C-alpha cells in the first residue's frame, strides 16, 4: 500500500496512457481502412493515393504533397477525356459511312480539339458506356494533296471617274456705270422753343398775406385778450366774413385743413399751449408767430415770438375762403 501511495502520480500516468491505446488504435484503424477519408483516398495497401488514380471507374488526381484530391486538374482531365472519346466515336461512325474521308475528318477533329479546348460548364458526370469493338478495316491511303499556295490579295481597282462636262464660259457683259441721283438738299429743322411753364400760383397767397398784415396790426394793441379773440380779429381784418371766436381745436374744422407745408398766414394750433390748455396763434413766416394772451413778466400780452413753444408741437392750418 505504501508503494502505491509513494508512486501514485506515476501509476495514474501509466493508467491514463494505457486507457488511450484503444482510442488511438481505433482512430489509426479508421484512417488506414481502404476508401475515402474526406478529400483523401486510402488504397488497399493502406497507403494514401497520390497522382492519378482510377477509383470506381472514374479518374482522380491527388496532390503529391498531402494526398488531397485536386478538383480543378481532375475536372480538366475529365473534359479532355470526354472530348477524345467523342472524337473516337465520331471517327468510327465516319469510317463506316465514308471510309475515304476518315483521315481528313479525324485530323480536323483532332486539330479542333487541340486548338480550341474551350472551358465547358460543369456537367454532371455520367458513366461512360463501353465502346463496341469495331471490326478492323483495311486502311485507306489518304490522297496526297499539294499544299495550297496562299493567295495574294488583289489590289482593289479604283472606279474610273467620268470627267464632268466643262461649263462654257459666258462672255462678261460690260458694266454700265451706275447713275446716282443728285442729293436733295436737306431743309434745316427749325428748333422748337422750349415750353415755358408758368409758375404755379398759390390760390391762397393773397388771403394768407392779408391775414399776416392783420395779425401784425394787433401786436401790442390787444394785450390781455384771449388767443382766440386775437385770431378772430385777424381773420375779420383779412376779410373773412364769418370770423367767429371758437375753441382752439375747432378752427381746423370751421376754416380750413391741416397742412405739412406751412405758409405765412396759416393758423397754428397747439394741443398744449404750455399751460396745460389748448392754444392757437397766427404764423407770419421765418419760424415766427403772433401769439395772443402770451404770458410775459408784465402780464398777458399779444406779442411776436417763436412758432415753437414749450408744451406742444405746432400744427399748421391753411385757411380756405
C-alpha atoms as a PDB file:
ATOM      1  CA  UNK A   1       0.000   0.000   0.000  1.00  0.00           C
ATOM      2  CA  UNK A   2       2.863   2.356   0.798  1.00  0.00           C
ATOM      3  CA  UNK A   3       4.308   1.724  -2.692  1.00  0.00           C
ATOM      4  CA  UNK A   4       1.139   2.887  -4.382  1.00  0.00           C
ATOM      5  CA  UNK A   5       0.933   5.931  -2.136  1.00  0.00           C
ATOM      6  CA  UNK A   6       4.516   6.871  -2.810  1.00  0.00           C
ATOM      7  CA  UNK A   7       4.208   6.415  -6.609  1.00  0.00           C
ATOM      8  CA  UNK A   8       0.579   7.496  -7.053  1.00  0.00           C
ATOM      9  CA  UNK A   9       1.292  10.073  -9.785  1.00  0.00           C
ATOM     10  CA  UNK A  10       3.336   7.622 -11.829  1.00  0.00           C
ATOM     11  CA  UNK A  11       0.659   4.938 -11.517  1.00  0.00           C
ATOM     12  CA  UNK A  12      -2.004   7.418 -12.613  1.00  0.00           C
ATOM     13  CA  UNK A  13       0.071   8.432 -15.647  1.00  0.00           C
ATOM     14  CA  UNK A  14       0.557   4.788 -16.646  1.00  0.00           C
ATOM     15  CA  UNK A  15      -3.145   4.046 -16.346  1.00  0.00           C
ATOM     16  CA  UNK A  16      -4.023   7.173 -18.396  1.00  0.00           C
ATOM     17  CA  UNK A  17      -1.643   6.194 -21.200  1.00  0.00           C
ATOM     18  CA  UNK A  18      -2.953   2.639 -21.160  1.00  0.00           C
ATOM     19  CA  UNK A  19      -6.526   3.861 -21.469  1.00  0.00           C
ATOM     20  CA  UNK A  20      -5.614   5.942 -24.569  1.00  0.00           C
ATOM     21  CA  UNK A  21      -4.273   2.980 -26.525  1.00  0.00           C
ATOM     22  CA  UNK A  22      -7.690   1.659 -27.593  1.00  0.00           C
ATOM     23  CA  UNK A  23      -8.770   5.113 -28.834  1.00  0.00           C
ATOM     24  CA  UNK A  24      -5.557   5.713 -30.778  1.00  0.00           C
ATOM     25  CA  UNK A  25      -5.733   2.221 -32.198  1.00  0.00           C
ATOM     26  CA  UNK A  26      -9.325   2.790 -33.278  1.00  0.00           C
ATOM     27  CA  UNK A  27      -8.502   6.140 -34.948  1.00  0.00           C
ATOM     28  CA  UNK A  28      -5.500   4.682 -36.691  1.00  0.00           C
ATOM     29  CA  UNK A  29      -7.554   1.714 -37.864  1.00  0.00           C
ATOM     30  CA  UNK A  30     -10.214   4.066 -39.274  1.00  0.00           C
ATOM     31  CA  UNK A  31      -7.639   6.231 -41.086  1.00  0.00           C
ATOM     32  CA  UNK A  32      -5.934   3.177 -42.654  1.00  0.00           C
ATOM     33  CA  UNK A  33      -9.153   1.498 -43.833  1.00  0.00           C
ATOM     34  CA  UNK A  34      -9.427   1.493 -47.653  1.00  0.00           C
ATOM     35  CA  UNK A  35     -11.803   4.158 -49.008  1.00  0.00           C
ATOM     36  CA  UNK A  36     -12.470   7.925 -48.906  1.00  0.00           C
ATOM     37  CA  UNK A  37     -11.359   9.867 -45.845  1.00  0.00           C
ATOM     38  CA  UNK A  38     -12.504  13.457 -46.545  1.00  0.00           C
ATOM     39  CA  UNK A  39     -10.522  14.658 -49.602  1.00  0.00           C
ATOM     40  CA  UNK A  40      -8.035  11.750 -49.309  1.00  0.00           C
ATOM     41  CA  UNK A  41      -8.345   8.140 -50.501  1.00  0.00           C
ATOM     42  CA  UNK A  42      -6.650   5.173 -48.800  1.00  0.00           C
ATOM     43  CA  UNK A  43      -5.827   2.312 -51.132  1.00  0.00           C
ATOM     44  CA  UNK A  44      -5.980  -1.441 -50.369  1.00  0.00           C
ATOM     45  CA  UNK A  45      -2.328  -1.373 -49.277  1.00  0.00           C
ATOM     46  CA  UNK A  46      -3.202   1.229 -46.561  1.00  0.00           C
ATOM     47  CA  UNK A  47      -1.284   3.974 -48.390  1.00  0.00           C
ATOM     48  CA  UNK A  48      -2.717   7.401 -49.297  1.00  0.00           C
ATOM     49  CA  UNK A  49      -3.432   7.778 -53.046  1.00  0.00           C
ATOM     50  CA  UNK A  50      -1.245  10.326 -54.867  1.00  0.00           C
ATOM     51  CA  UNK A  51      -1.089  11.334 -58.522  1.00  0.00           C
ATOM     52  CA  UNK A  52      -3.609   9.841 -60.955  1.00  0.00           C
ATOM     53  CA  UNK A  53      -5.831   7.066 -59.601  1.00  0.00           C
ATOM     54  CA  UNK A  54      -8.863   5.341 -61.127  1.00  0.00           C
ATOM     55  CA  UNK A  55     -11.497   4.772 -58.459  1.00  0.00           C
ATOM     56  CA  UNK A  56     -14.835   3.092 -59.197  1.00  0.00           C
ATOM     57  CA  UNK A  57     -14.470   3.701 -62.944  1.00  0.00           C
ATOM     58  CA  UNK A  58     -13.527   7.419 -62.542  1.00  0.00           C
ATOM     59  CA  UNK A  59     -10.155   9.132 -62.724  1.00  0.00           C
ATOM     60  CA  UNK A  60      -8.989  11.441 -59.914  1.00  0.00           C
ATOM     61  CA  UNK A  61      -5.832  13.456 -59.445  1.00  0.00           C
ATOM     62  CA  UNK A  62      -4.402  13.592 -55.885  1.00  0.00           C
ATOM     63  CA  UNK A  63      -1.771  16.096 -54.686  1.00  0.00           C
ATOM     64  CA  UNK A  64       1.732  14.696 -54.487  1.00  0.00           C
ATOM     65  CA  UNK A  65       2.313  16.634 -51.253  1.00  0.00           C
ATOM     66  CA  UNK A  66      -0.627  15.973 -48.928  1.00  0.00           C
ATOM     67  CA  UNK A  67      -2.715  13.487 -50.954  1.00  0.00           C
ATOM     68  CA  UNK A  68      -5.836  15.668 -51.209  1.00  0.00           C
ATOM     69  CA  UNK A  69      -7.856  15.460 -54.437  1.00  0.00           C
ATOM     70  CA  UNK A  70      -7.208  18.355 -56.890  1.00  0.00           C
ATOM     71  CA  UNK A  71     -10.695  19.097 -58.294  1.00  0.00           C
ATOM     72  CA  UNK A  72      -9.516  21.575 -60.965  1.00  0.00           C
ATOM     73  CA  UNK A  73      -6.987  19.191 -62.577  1.00  0.00           C
ATOM     74  CA  UNK A  74      -9.463  16.302 -62.301  1.00  0.00           C
ATOM     75  CA  UNK A  75     -12.233  18.342 -63.982  1.00  0.00           C
ATOM     76  CA  UNK A  76      -9.986  19.424 -66.905  1.00  0.00           C
ATOM     77  CA  UNK A  77      -8.835  15.847 -67.434  1.00  0.00           C
ATOM     78  CA  UNK A  78     -12.420  14.540 -67.456  1.00  0.00           C
ATOM     79  CA  UNK A  79     -13.409  17.173 -70.052  1.00  0.00           C
ATOM     80  CA  UNK A  80     -10.431  16.248 -72.257  1.00  0.00           C
ATOM     81  CA  UNK A  81     -11.252  12.530 -71.907  1.00  0.00           C
ATOM     82  CA  UNK A  82     -14.864  13.131 -72.928  1.00  0.00           C
ATOM     83  CA  UNK A  83     -13.723  15.122 -75.990  1.00  0.00           C
ATOM     84  CA  UNK A  84     -11.314  12.364 -77.035  1.00  0.00           C
ATOM     85  CA  UNK A  85     -13.970   9.686 -76.571  1.00  0.00           C
ATOM     86  CA  UNK A  86     -16.477  11.712 -78.600  1.00  0.00           C
ATOM     87  CA  UNK A  87     -13.844  12.173 -81.314  1.00  0.00           C
ATOM     88  CA  UNK A  88     -13.140   8.456 -81.435  1.00  0.00           C
ATOM     89  CA  UNK A  89     -16.871   7.664 -81.652  1.00  0.00           C
ATOM     90  CA  UNK A  90     -17.396  10.137 -84.494  1.00  0.00           C
ATOM     91  CA  UNK A  91     -14.335   8.812 -86.259  1.00  0.00           C
ATOM     92  CA  UNK A  92     -15.658   5.269 -86.082  1.00  0.00           C
ATOM     93  CA  UNK A  93     -19.039   6.273 -87.472  1.00  0.00           C
ATOM     94  CA  UNK A  94     -17.480   8.253 -90.278  1.00  0.00           C
ATOM     95  CA  UNK A  95     -15.234   5.329 -91.181  1.00  0.00           C
ATOM     96  CA  UNK A  96     -18.295   3.096 -91.582  1.00  0.00           C
ATOM     97  CA  UNK A  97     -20.132   5.590 -93.829  1.00  0.00           C
ATOM     98  CA  UNK A  98     -17.373   7.255 -95.884  1.00  0.00           C
ATOM     99  CA  UNK A  99     -14.076   5.402 -95.491  1.00  0.00           C
ATOM    100  CA  UNK A 100     -12.319   7.678 -97.942  1.00  0.00           C
ATOM    101  CA  UNK A 101     -12.736  10.825 -95.884  1.00  0.00           C
ATOM    102  CA  UNK A 102     -11.952   9.296 -92.489  1.00  0.00           C
ATOM    103  CA  UNK A 103      -8.416  10.532 -92.234  1.00  0.00           C
ATOM    104  CA  UNK A 104      -9.298  14.146 -93.088  1.00  0.00           C
ATOM    105  CA  UNK A 105     -12.242  14.226 -90.650  1.00  0.00           C
ATOM    106  CA  UNK A 106     -10.178  12.725 -87.842  1.00  0.00           C
ATOM    107  CA  UNK A 107      -7.387  15.198 -88.461  1.00  0.00           C
ATOM    108  CA  UNK A 108      -9.766  18.151 -88.431  1.00  0.00           C
ATOM    109  CA  UNK A 109     -11.488  16.908 -85.253  1.00  0.00           C
ATOM    110  CA  UNK A 110      -8.144  16.385 -83.506  1.00  0.00           C
ATOM    111  CA  UNK A 111      -6.877  19.769 -84.625  1.00  0.00           C
ATOM    112  CA  UNK A 112     -10.060  21.412 -83.400  1.00  0.00           C
ATOM    113  CA  UNK A 113      -9.850  19.628 -80.048  1.00  0.00           C
ATOM    114  CA  UNK A 114      -6.156  20.573 -79.645  1.00  0.00           C
ATOM    115  CA  UNK A 115      -6.555  24.236 -80.661  1.00  0.00           C
ATOM    116  CA  UNK A 116      -9.803  25.305 -79.085  1.00  0.00           C
ATOM    117  CA  UNK A 117     -10.424  23.192 -75.943  1.00  0.00           C
ATOM    118  CA  UNK A 118     -12.888  25.802 -74.517  1.00  0.00           C
ATOM    119  CA  UNK A 119     -13.784  25.590 -70.897  1.00  0.00           C
ATOM    120  CA  UNK A 120     -17.153  23.934 -70.698  1.00  0.00           C
ATOM    121  CA  UNK A 121     -19.546  24.420 -67.775  1.00  0.00           C
ATOM    122  CA  UNK A 122     -19.604  21.743 -65.140  1.00  0.00           C
ATOM    123  CA  UNK A 123     -21.562  18.793 -66.492  1.00  0.00           C
ATOM    124  CA  UNK A 124     -22.750  16.079 -64.169  1.00  0.00           C
ATOM    125  CA  UNK A 125     -20.595  13.073 -64.695  1.00  0.00           C
ATOM    126  CA  UNK A 126     -22.288  10.164 -66.413  1.00  0.00           C
ATOM    127  CA  UNK A 127     -20.926   6.670 -66.584  1.00  0.00           C
ATOM    128  CA  UNK A 128     -19.139   6.002 -69.873  1.00  0.00           C
ATOM    129  CA  UNK A 129     -20.601   3.069 -71.730  1.00  0.00           C
ATOM    130  CA  UNK A 130     -18.059   0.577 -73.042  1.00  0.00           C
ATOM    131  CA  UNK A 131     -17.312   1.023 -76.722  1.00  0.00           C
ATOM    132  CA  UNK A 132     -18.479  -1.578 -79.147  1.00  0.00           C
ATOM    133  CA  UNK A 133     -15.426  -3.132 -80.797  1.00  0.00           C
ATOM    134  CA  UNK A 134     -15.184  -2.141 -84.416  1.00  0.00           C
ATOM    135  CA  UNK A 135     -14.126  -4.700 -86.945  1.00  0.00           C
ATOM    136  CA  UNK A 136     -10.744  -3.833 -88.394  1.00  0.00           C
ATOM    137  CA  UNK A 137     -10.914  -2.367 -91.835  1.00  0.00           C
ATOM    138  CA  UNK A 138      -8.338  -2.079 -94.488  1.00  0.00           C
ATOM    139  CA  UNK A 139      -6.671   1.268 -94.001  1.00  0.00           C
ATOM    140  CA  UNK A 140      -7.189   3.633 -96.864  1.00  0.00           C
ATOM    141  CA  UNK A 141      -4.169   5.529 -98.034  1.00  0.00           C
ATOM    142  CA  UNK A 142      -5.026   9.215 -97.887  1.00  0.00           C
ATOM    143  CA  UNK A 143      -4.672  11.134-101.081  1.00  0.00           C
ATOM    144  CA  UNK A 144      -1.694  13.436-101.183  1.00  0.00           C
ATOM    145  CA  UNK A 145      -2.734  16.941-101.937  1.00  0.00           C
ATOM    146  CA  UNK A 146      -0.372  19.679-102.849  1.00  0.00           C
ATOM    147  CA  UNK A 147      -0.146  22.417-100.234  1.00  0.00           C
ATOM    148  CA  UNK A 148      -2.248  25.400-101.123  1.00  0.00           C
ATOM    149  CA  UNK A 149      -0.336  28.477-102.105  1.00  0.00           C
ATOM    150  CA  UNK A 150      -1.643  31.443-100.122  1.00  0.00           C
ATOM    151  CA  UNK A 151      -3.448  33.747-102.452  1.00  0.00           C
ATOM    152  CA  UNK A 152      -2.143  37.245-102.789  1.00  0.00           C
ATOM    153  CA  UNK A 153      -4.889  39.760-102.012  1.00  0.00           C
ATOM    154  CA  UNK A 154      -5.880  41.621-105.084  1.00  0.00           C
ATOM    155  CA  UNK A 155      -5.425  45.335-105.097  1.00  0.00           C
ATOM    156  CA  UNK A 156      -8.841  46.928-105.408  1.00  0.00           C
ATOM    157  CA  UNK A 157      -9.247  48.738-108.675  1.00  0.00           C
ATOM    158  CA  UNK A 158     -10.371  52.305-108.260  1.00  0.00           C
ATOM    159  CA  UNK A 159     -13.508  53.022-110.266  1.00  0.00           C
ATOM    160  CA  UNK A 160     -12.941  55.282-113.187  1.00  0.00           C
ATOM    161  CA  UNK A 161     -14.372  58.714-112.696  1.00  0.00           C
ATOM    162  CA  UNK A 162     -16.213  60.235-115.550  1.00  0.00           C
ATOM    163  CA  UNK A 163     -14.906  63.720-116.236  1.00  0.00           C
ATOM    164  CA  UNK A 164     -17.564  66.346-115.658  1.00  0.00           C
ATOM    165  CA  UNK A 165     -18.508  68.351-118.724  1.00  0.00           C
ATOM    166  CA  UNK A 166     -16.929  71.753-118.745  1.00  0.00           C
ATOM    167  CA  UNK A 167     -19.320  74.654-118.394  1.00  0.00           C
ATOM    168  CA  UNK A 168     -18.999  77.012-121.322  1.00  0.00           C
ATOM    169  CA  UNK A 169     -17.601  80.364-120.380  1.00  0.00           C
ATOM    170  CA  UNK A 170     -20.137  83.126-120.825  1.00  0.00           C
ATOM    171  CA  UNK A 171     -18.594  86.384-122.029  1.00  0.00           C
ATOM    172  CA  UNK A 172     -18.781  89.100-119.450  1.00  0.00           C
ATOM    173  CA  UNK A 173     -21.285  91.870-120.032  1.00  0.00           C
ATOM    174  CA  UNK A 174     -19.639  95.283-119.895  1.00  0.00           C
ATOM    175  CA  UNK A 175     -20.634  97.014-116.718  1.00  0.00           C
ATOM    176  CA  UNK A 176     -22.745 100.129-117.040  1.00  0.00           C
ATOM    177  CA  UNK A 177     -21.775 102.911-114.672  1.00  0.00           C
ATOM    178  CA  UNK A 178     -24.427 103.451-112.053  1.00  0.00           C
ATOM    179  CA  UNK A 179     -26.294 106.699-112.299  1.00  0.00           C
ATOM    180  CA  UNK A 180     -26.569 108.386-108.988  1.00  0.00           C
ATOM    181  CA  UNK A 181     -29.395 110.767-108.349  1.00  0.00           C
ATOM    182  CA  UNK A 182     -28.399 114.200-107.128  1.00  0.00           C
ATOM    183  CA  UNK A 183     -28.829 114.605-103.427  1.00  0.00           C
ATOM    184  CA  UNK A 184     -31.711 116.799-102.351  1.00  0.00           C
ATOM    185  CA  UNK A 185     -30.512 119.480-100.008  1.00  0.00           C
ATOM    186  CA  UNK A 186     -31.847 118.910 -96.552  1.00  0.00           C
ATOM    187  CA  UNK A 187     -34.171 121.508 -95.146  1.00  0.00           C
ATOM    188  CA  UNK A 188     -32.866 122.878 -91.880  1.00  0.00           C
ATOM    189  CA  UNK A 189     -35.074 121.977 -88.983  1.00  0.00           C
ATOM    190  CA  UNK A 190     -36.412 124.941 -87.127  1.00  0.00           C
ATOM    191  CA  UNK A 191     -35.603 124.462 -83.465  1.00  0.00           C
ATOM    192  CA  UNK A 192     -38.664 124.349 -81.289  1.00  0.00           C
ATOM    193  CA  UNK A 193     -38.754 126.786 -78.482  1.00  0.00           C
ATOM    194  CA  UNK A 194     -38.916 125.177 -75.072  1.00  0.00           C
ATOM    195  CA  UNK A 195     -42.257 125.479 -73.408  1.00  0.00           C
ATOM    196  CA  UNK A 196     -42.222 127.967 -70.632  1.00  0.00           C
ATOM    197  CA  UNK A 197     -44.021 126.556 -67.662  1.00  0.00           C
ATOM    198  CA  UNK A 198     -45.954 129.147 -65.847  1.00  0.00           C
ATOM    199  CA  UNK A 199     -45.204 129.218 -62.168  1.00  0.00           C
ATOM    200  CA  UNK A 200     -47.812 127.549 -60.069  1.00  0.00           C
ATOM    201  CA  UNK A 201     -49.551 130.187 -58.088  1.00  0.00           C
ATOM    202  CA  UNK A 202     -50.827 129.609 -54.598  1.00  0.00           C
ATOM    203  CA  UNK A 203     -54.620 130.180 -54.688  1.00  0.00           C
ATOM    204  CA  UNK A 204     -54.481 131.242 -51.044  1.00  0.00           C
ATOM    205  CA  UNK A 205     -51.417 133.510 -51.306  1.00  0.00           C
ATOM    206  CA  UNK A 206     -53.441 136.736 -51.240  1.00  0.00           C
ATOM    207  CA  UNK A 207     -55.613 135.589 -48.325  1.00  0.00           C
ATOM    208  CA  UNK A 208     -52.536 134.454 -46.354  1.00  0.00           C
ATOM    209  CA  UNK A 209     -50.856 137.834 -46.958  1.00  0.00           C
ATOM    210  CA  UNK A 210     -53.888 139.721 -45.648  1.00  0.00           C
ATOM    211  CA  UNK A 211     -54.036 137.532 -42.525  1.00  0.00           C
ATOM    212  CA  UNK A 212     -50.340 138.276 -41.796  1.00  0.00           C
ATOM    213  CA  UNK A 213     -50.878 142.033 -42.115  1.00  0.00           C
ATOM    214  CA  UNK A 214     -53.966 141.956 -39.883  1.00  0.00           C
ATOM    215  CA  UNK A 215     -52.157 139.878 -37.209  1.00  0.00           C
ATOM    216  CA  UNK A 216     -49.160 142.248 -37.145  1.00  0.00           C
ATOM    217  CA  UNK A 217     -51.521 145.216 -36.626  1.00  0.00           C
ATOM    218  CA  UNK A 218     -52.814 143.607 -33.413  1.00  0.00           C
ATOM    219  CA  UNK A 219     -49.403 143.288 -31.705  1.00  0.00           C
ATOM    220  CA  UNK A 220     -49.351 145.439 -28.563  1.00  0.00           C
ATOM    221  CA  UNK A 221     -52.934 146.583 -29.224  1.00  0.00           C
ATOM    222  CA  UNK A 222     -54.918 143.573 -27.950  1.00  0.00           C
ATOM    223  CA  UNK A 223     -52.899 142.939 -24.792  1.00  0.00           C
ATOM    224  CA  UNK A 224     -54.868 140.980 -22.237  1.00  0.00           C
ATOM    225  CA  UNK A 225     -57.237 139.376 -24.813  1.00  0.00           C
ATOM    226  CA  UNK A 226     -57.571 135.626 -25.279  1.00  0.00           C
ATOM    227  CA  UNK A 227     -55.632 133.946 -28.096  1.00  0.00           C
ATOM    228  CA  UNK A 228     -58.921 133.015 -29.796  1.00  0.00           C
ATOM    229  CA  UNK A 229     -60.014 136.704 -29.727  1.00  0.00           C
ATOM    230  CA  UNK A 230     -56.773 137.760 -31.442  1.00  0.00           C
ATOM    231  CA  UNK A 231     -57.207 135.068 -34.164  1.00  0.00           C
ATOM    232  CA  UNK A 232     -60.878 136.062 -34.715  1.00  0.00           C
ATOM    233  CA  UNK A 233     -59.915 139.749 -35.168  1.00  0.00           C
ATOM    234  CA  UNK A 234     -57.040 138.819 -37.556  1.00  0.00           C
ATOM    235  CA  UNK A 235     -59.414 136.791 -39.753  1.00  0.00           C
ATOM    236  CA  UNK A 236     -62.011 139.566 -39.736  1.00  0.00           C
ATOM    237  CA  UNK A 237     -59.323 142.124 -40.637  1.00  0.00           C
ATOM    238  CA  UNK A 238     -58.284 139.913 -43.611  1.00  0.00           C
ATOM    239  CA  UNK A 239     -61.851 139.986 -44.990  1.00  0.00           C
ATOM    240  CA  UNK A 240     -63.203 136.680 -43.658  1.00  0.00           C
ATOM    241  CA  UNK A 241     -66.911 137.489 -43.261  1.00  0.00           C
ATOM    242  CA  UNK A 242     -67.832 134.604 -40.896  1.00  0.00           C
ATOM    243  CA  UNK A 243     -64.978 135.067 -38.446  1.00  0.00           C
ATOM    244  CA  UNK A 244     -66.104 133.875 -35.016  1.00  0.00           C
ATOM    245  CA  UNK A 245     -64.395 133.248 -31.736  1.00  0.00           C
ATOM    246  CA  UNK A 246     -64.151 129.433 -31.305  1.00  0.00           C
ATOM    247  CA  UNK A 247     -62.238 126.982 -29.153  1.00  0.00           C
ATOM    248  CA  UNK A 248     -58.651 126.467 -30.453  1.00  0.00           C
ATOM    249  CA  UNK A 249     -59.345 122.904 -31.663  1.00  0.00           C
ATOM    250  CA  UNK A 250     -62.456 123.995 -33.629  1.00  0.00           C
ATOM    251  CA  UNK A 251     -60.738 126.289 -36.153  1.00  0.00           C
ATOM    252  CA  UNK A 252     -59.424 123.458 -38.355  1.00  0.00           C
ATOM    253  CA  UNK A 253     -62.902 122.110 -38.972  1.00  0.00           C
ATOM    254  CA  UNK A 254     -64.525 125.523 -39.421  1.00  0.00           C
ATOM    255  CA  UNK A 255     -61.987 127.446 -41.501  1.00  0.00           C
ATOM    256  CA  UNK A 256     -59.516 125.070 -43.216  1.00  0.00           C
ATOM    257  CA  UNK A 257     -57.366 121.920 -43.021  1.00  0.00           C
ATOM    258  CA  UNK A 258     -54.023 120.749 -41.597  1.00  0.00           C
ATOM    259  CA  UNK A 259     -51.019 121.084 -43.977  1.00  0.00           C
ATOM    260  CA  UNK A 260     -47.434 119.762 -43.965  1.00  0.00           C
ATOM    261  CA  UNK A 261     -46.130 122.741 -45.998  1.00  0.00           C
ATOM    262  CA  UNK A 262     -46.554 125.761 -43.669  1.00  0.00           C
ATOM    263  CA  UNK A 263     -47.042 129.165 -45.289  1.00  0.00           C
ATOM    264  CA  UNK A 264     -47.094 132.613 -43.717  1.00  0.00           C
ATOM    265  CA  UNK A 265     -50.753 133.378 -42.877  1.00  0.00           C
ATOM    266  CA  UNK A 266     -51.534 129.841 -41.611  1.00  0.00           C
ATOM    267  CA  UNK A 267     -53.127 129.392 -38.217  1.00  0.00           C
ATOM    268  CA  UNK A 268     -51.077 127.383 -35.689  1.00  0.00           C
ATOM    269  CA  UNK A 269     -52.790 125.012 -33.276  1.00  0.00           C
ATOM    270  CA  UNK A 270     -51.136 123.645 -30.111  1.00  0.00           C
ATOM    271  CA  UNK A 271     -52.664 120.754 -28.222  1.00  0.00           C
ATOM    272  CA  UNK A 272     -50.863 122.050 -25.111  1.00  0.00           C
ATOM    273  CA  UNK A 273     -50.038 125.716 -25.143  1.00  0.00           C
ATOM    274  CA  UNK A 274     -47.560 125.420 -22.306  1.00  0.00           C
ATOM    275  CA  UNK A 275     -50.087 125.995 -19.552  1.00  0.00           C
ATOM    276  CA  UNK A 276     -51.981 122.724 -19.831  1.00  0.00           C
ATOM    277  CA  UNK A 277     -54.657 124.164 -22.177  1.00  0.00           C
ATOM    278  CA  UNK A 278     -55.044 124.417 -25.974  1.00  0.00           C
ATOM    279  CA  UNK A 279     -53.542 127.409 -27.766  1.00  0.00           C
ATOM    280  CA  UNK A 280     -53.850 128.994 -31.236  1.00  0.00           C
ATOM    281  CA  UNK A 281     -51.707 131.642 -32.993  1.00  0.00           C
ATOM    282  CA  UNK A 282     -51.006 133.142 -36.496  1.00  0.00           C
ATOM    283  CA  UNK A 283     -47.838 132.078 -38.370  1.00  0.00           C
ATOM    284  CA  UNK A 284     -46.043 135.039 -40.061  1.00  0.00           C
ATOM    285  CA  UNK A 285     -43.080 133.135 -41.572  1.00  0.00           C
ATOM    286  CA  UNK A 286     -39.383 132.601 -40.772  1.00  0.00           C
ATOM    287  CA  UNK A 287     -40.303 130.475 -37.737  1.00  0.00           C
ATOM    288  CA  UNK A 288     -42.174 133.293 -36.007  1.00  0.00           C
ATOM    289  CA  UNK A 289     -45.836 133.693 -34.959  1.00  0.00           C
ATOM    290  CA  UNK A 290     -48.210 136.254 -33.369  1.00  0.00           C
ATOM    291  CA  UNK A 291     -49.405 134.894 -30.014  1.00  0.00           C
ATOM    292  CA  UNK A 292     -52.358 136.395 -28.118  1.00  0.00           C
ATOM    293  CA  UNK A 293     -52.623 136.215 -24.320  1.00  0.00           C
ATOM    294  CA  UNK A 294     -48.933 135.230 -24.160  1.00  0.00           C
ATOM    295  CA  UNK A 295     -47.726 135.356 -20.557  1.00  0.00           C
ATOM    296  CA  UNK A 296     -44.798 137.744 -20.041  1.00  0.00           C
ATOM    297  CA  UNK A 297     -43.159 139.245 -16.958  1.00  0.00           C
ATOM    298  CA  UNK A 298     -45.570 142.170 -17.156  1.00  0.00           C
ATOM    299  CA  UNK A 299     -48.673 140.024 -17.707  1.00  0.00           C
ATOM    300  CA  UNK A 300     -50.538 138.520 -20.723  1.00  0.00           C
ATOM    301  CA  UNK A 301     -49.829 140.348 -23.975  1.00  0.00           C
ATOM    302  CA  UNK A 302     -50.104 139.999 -27.781  1.00  0.00           C
ATOM    303  CA  UNK A 303     -46.507 139.528 -28.989  1.00  0.00           C
ATOM    304  CA  UNK A 304     -44.350 138.132 -31.804  1.00  0.00           C
ATOM    305  CA  UNK A 305     -42.433 135.037 -30.674  1.00  0.00           C
ATOM    306  CA  UNK A 306     -41.134 131.697 -31.987  1.00  0.00           C
ATOM    307  CA  UNK A 307     -43.667 129.338 -33.515  1.00  0.00           C
ATOM    308  CA  UNK A 308     -42.100 126.578 -31.388  1.00  0.00           C
ATOM    309  CA  UNK A 309     -43.147 126.907 -27.740  1.00  0.00           C
ATOM    310  CA  UNK A 310     -42.775 124.698 -24.722  1.00  0.00           C
ATOM    311  CA  UNK A 311     -45.518 122.169 -24.125  1.00  0.00           C
ATOM    312  CA  UNK A 312     -46.750 121.257 -27.618  1.00  0.00           C
ATOM    313  CA  UNK A 313     -45.759 120.823 -31.268  1.00  0.00           C
ATOM    314  CA  UNK A 314     -47.275 123.257 -33.809  1.00  0.00           C
ATOM    315  CA  UNK A 315     -49.929 122.008 -36.275  1.00  0.00           C
ATOM    316  CA  UNK A 316     -50.405 124.351 -39.252  1.00  0.00           C
ATOM    317  CA  UNK A 317     -53.903 125.128 -40.626  1.00  0.00           C
ATOM    318  CA  UNK A 318     -54.496 126.529 -44.124  1.00  0.00           C
ATOM    319  CA  UNK A 319     -57.468 128.895 -44.067  1.00  0.00           C
ATOM    320  CA  UNK A 320     -59.846 128.330 -47.016  1.00  0.00           C
ATOM    321  CA  UNK A 321     -62.276 131.108 -48.045  1.00  0.00           C
END
